[in-house]
Protein backbone atom coordinates (compact mmCIF):
# COMPACT_ATOMS: atom_id res chain seq x y z
CA MET A 1 -5.26 40.08 17.34
CA ASN A 2 -8.60 40.93 15.83
CA ARG A 3 -6.67 41.26 12.36
CA GLN A 4 -5.06 37.58 12.80
CA VAL A 5 -8.41 36.34 13.59
CA GLY A 6 -9.75 38.08 10.62
CA ILE A 7 -7.13 36.55 8.33
CA GLY A 8 -7.40 33.20 9.66
CA LEU A 9 -11.20 33.07 9.05
CA LEU A 10 -10.79 34.51 5.68
CA ALA A 11 -8.21 31.44 4.82
CA CYS A 12 -10.57 29.01 6.04
CA LEU A 13 -13.17 30.49 3.96
CA ALA A 14 -10.89 30.36 0.88
CA LEU A 15 -9.95 26.57 1.83
CA GLY A 16 -13.86 25.91 2.13
CA VAL A 17 -14.47 27.27 -1.42
CA VAL A 18 -11.70 25.84 -3.22
CA GLY A 19 -11.98 22.40 -1.38
CA CYS A 20 -9.85 20.23 0.90
CA GLY A 21 -8.71 17.80 -1.93
CA GLY A 22 -11.90 15.72 -1.57
CA ALA A 23 -12.94 13.19 -4.50
CA PRO A 24 -14.22 14.61 -7.66
CA SER A 25 -17.89 14.95 -7.74
CA ASN A 26 -18.26 12.30 -10.63
CA ILE A 27 -16.75 9.52 -8.43
CA ALA A 28 -18.63 7.58 -5.68
CA LYS A 29 -17.78 5.45 -3.08
CA THR A 30 -18.34 1.92 -4.22
CA THR A 31 -17.84 -1.56 -2.27
CA GLY A 32 -18.68 -5.15 -2.86
CA LYS A 33 -17.55 -8.76 -2.91
CA VAL A 34 -16.38 -11.43 -5.12
CA THR A 35 -17.32 -15.30 -4.56
CA TYR A 36 -16.64 -18.15 -6.93
CA GLN A 37 -18.24 -21.51 -6.49
CA GLY A 38 -19.69 -20.15 -3.43
CA ALA A 39 -16.49 -18.93 -1.96
CA SER A 40 -14.96 -15.73 -1.11
CA VAL A 41 -12.10 -14.84 -3.40
CA GLU A 42 -9.13 -13.16 -2.07
CA GLY A 43 -6.59 -11.33 -4.25
CA ALA A 44 -8.91 -10.88 -7.33
CA THR A 45 -8.59 -7.62 -9.33
CA VAL A 46 -12.01 -5.81 -9.83
CA THR A 47 -11.70 -3.43 -12.61
CA MET A 48 -14.79 -0.88 -13.36
CA SER A 49 -14.49 1.15 -16.69
CA THR A 50 -16.98 3.50 -18.05
CA GLN A 51 -18.27 2.58 -21.47
CA ASP A 52 -15.88 4.85 -23.32
CA ASN A 53 -12.88 3.63 -20.79
CA SER A 54 -12.18 7.11 -20.29
CA LYS A 55 -12.35 6.53 -16.65
CA ILE A 56 -11.20 3.36 -14.67
CA ALA A 57 -11.09 2.11 -11.05
CA THR A 58 -9.67 -0.83 -9.53
CA ALA A 59 -9.45 -2.72 -6.52
CA ILE A 60 -7.97 -6.06 -4.83
CA THR A 61 -10.20 -8.35 -2.74
CA ASP A 62 -9.38 -9.24 0.93
CA ALA A 63 -9.52 -12.54 2.60
CA GLU A 64 -13.50 -12.06 2.70
CA GLY A 65 -13.71 -11.19 -1.02
CA SER A 66 -14.29 -7.67 -0.08
CA PHE A 67 -13.27 -4.54 -2.13
CA THR A 68 -13.32 -0.84 -2.29
CA MET A 69 -12.83 0.79 -5.65
CA MET A 70 -10.26 3.35 -6.19
CA THR A 71 -10.09 5.77 -9.01
CA GLN A 72 -6.79 7.70 -10.10
CA VAL A 73 -7.46 11.38 -11.31
CA GLY A 74 -4.10 12.96 -12.20
CA GLN A 75 -1.47 11.98 -9.63
CA LYS A 76 -4.08 11.33 -6.87
CA SER A 77 -6.41 8.15 -6.11
CA TYR A 78 -9.73 8.73 -4.70
CA GLU A 79 -12.06 6.00 -3.15
CA GLY A 80 -14.69 5.33 -5.35
CA ALA A 81 -15.58 4.67 -8.80
CA PRO A 82 -16.97 6.77 -11.80
CA LEU A 83 -20.72 7.53 -11.70
CA GLY A 84 -22.90 5.88 -14.50
CA PRO A 85 -22.54 2.68 -16.21
CA VAL A 86 -19.68 0.69 -15.92
CA ASN A 87 -18.15 -2.51 -17.44
CA VAL A 88 -16.62 -4.90 -14.74
CA THR A 89 -13.88 -7.61 -15.15
CA ILE A 90 -12.33 -9.78 -12.58
CA THR A 91 -9.17 -11.49 -12.64
CA LYS A 92 -7.13 -13.39 -10.21
CA PHE A 93 -3.63 -14.45 -11.41
CA ALA A 94 -1.56 -16.81 -9.72
CA ASP A 95 1.65 -15.79 -7.94
CA MET A 96 4.29 -15.87 -10.71
CA GLY A 97 7.08 -15.71 -8.32
CA ALA A 98 8.66 -12.47 -9.59
CA GLY A 99 9.33 -10.74 -6.12
CA GLU A 100 10.21 -7.21 -5.83
CA VAL A 101 12.89 -5.61 -8.32
CA ASP A 102 14.18 -2.16 -8.10
CA PRO A 103 12.35 -0.73 -11.55
CA ASP A 104 15.25 1.56 -12.12
CA ASP A 105 17.65 -1.13 -12.39
CA PRO A 106 17.52 -2.53 -15.92
CA SER A 107 19.64 -5.76 -14.90
CA ALA A 108 17.06 -6.67 -12.14
CA VAL A 109 13.96 -6.22 -14.41
CA ASP A 110 15.83 -8.51 -17.11
CA ALA A 111 16.86 -11.01 -14.48
CA MET A 112 13.19 -11.35 -12.94
CA TYR A 113 11.81 -11.73 -16.56
CA ALA A 114 14.26 -14.19 -17.52
CA GLN A 115 13.21 -16.12 -14.16
CA MET A 116 9.60 -15.86 -15.20
CA LEU A 117 10.40 -17.27 -18.73
CA ASP A 118 12.00 -20.25 -17.21
CA GLN A 119 9.14 -20.99 -14.72
CA GLN A 120 5.98 -19.88 -16.80
CA GLY A 121 7.38 -19.39 -20.38
CA ASP A 122 5.73 -21.09 -23.15
CA GLY A 123 8.93 -21.61 -24.96
CA ASP A 124 8.32 -18.82 -27.72
CA GLY A 125 9.52 -16.02 -25.28
CA ASN A 126 5.91 -15.40 -23.84
CA ILE A 127 4.87 -15.85 -20.36
CA GLU A 128 1.69 -17.96 -19.52
CA THR A 129 -0.49 -16.34 -16.93
CA ASN A 130 -2.73 -18.37 -14.87
CA ASN A 131 -5.77 -16.78 -14.14
CA GLU A 132 -7.49 -18.54 -11.28
CA LEU A 133 -10.87 -17.44 -12.22
CA PRO A 134 -13.02 -18.29 -15.58
CA GLY A 135 -11.37 -16.68 -18.33
CA LYS A 136 -14.64 -14.67 -19.58
CA TYR A 137 -14.53 -12.50 -16.68
CA ALA A 138 -11.09 -10.98 -17.87
CA ALA A 139 -12.55 -8.94 -20.49
CA THR A 140 -15.26 -6.35 -20.71
CA ILE A 141 -16.68 -8.07 -24.07
CA THR A 142 -17.41 -11.57 -22.59
CA SER A 143 -17.78 -10.75 -18.59
CA GLY A 144 -21.21 -9.83 -19.05
CA LEU A 145 -20.74 -8.00 -15.46
CA THR A 146 -22.16 -4.43 -15.24
CA ALA A 147 -22.96 -2.16 -12.77
CA THR A 148 -24.18 1.62 -12.41
CA ILE A 149 -22.67 3.69 -10.11
CA ASP A 150 -24.80 6.25 -8.35
CA SER A 151 -23.85 9.30 -6.31
CA ASP A 152 -25.43 7.73 -3.29
CA PRO A 153 -22.79 5.46 -2.02
CA ALA A 154 -25.63 3.15 -0.14
CA LYS A 155 -26.45 2.26 -3.74
CA ASN A 156 -22.65 1.08 -4.70
CA VAL A 157 -22.58 -2.33 -2.80
CA PHE A 158 -22.30 -4.88 -5.51
CA THR A 159 -21.84 -8.63 -5.29
CA PHE A 160 -20.35 -10.52 -8.03
CA ASP A 161 -20.82 -14.45 -7.98
CA LEU A 162 -18.81 -15.99 -10.71
CA GLU A 163 -19.60 -19.21 -12.21
CA ASP A 164 -17.81 -21.64 -14.47
CA GLU A 165 -17.97 -21.08 -18.27
């Protein structure tokens, strides 16, 4: 019995040293809220990217306009955004009526695209997207939105009050 307990303790110690799959140390929990014209924005996509675009975090706002950033590292997603200064973009596209399709079925994807062209096409084979927020917030060079992500999550609560262009 003592040998089994010893092996169990050794296994636990090894897991503690290796880690249990927690977020990488260069990512910290980041939350916030998006408003436009004083109202909460539901369904907006918030993107935070490092200045060299090597790391990107994204979130979708809920009914209250609140969000929690998620960063993908390899095949895993972690709650948080990359530490340091980040550029921020915020968009909200109208539902384009595409619905869900099986991405492995080329005919279903083609049918969905044809439907979207009929409904939102510009006549030249391009789909016009309808960003419901001012366009300047869609690109890092025009948004004017930045943040600095700190290792202390209490400092990573941001409110983005969007205004007309």
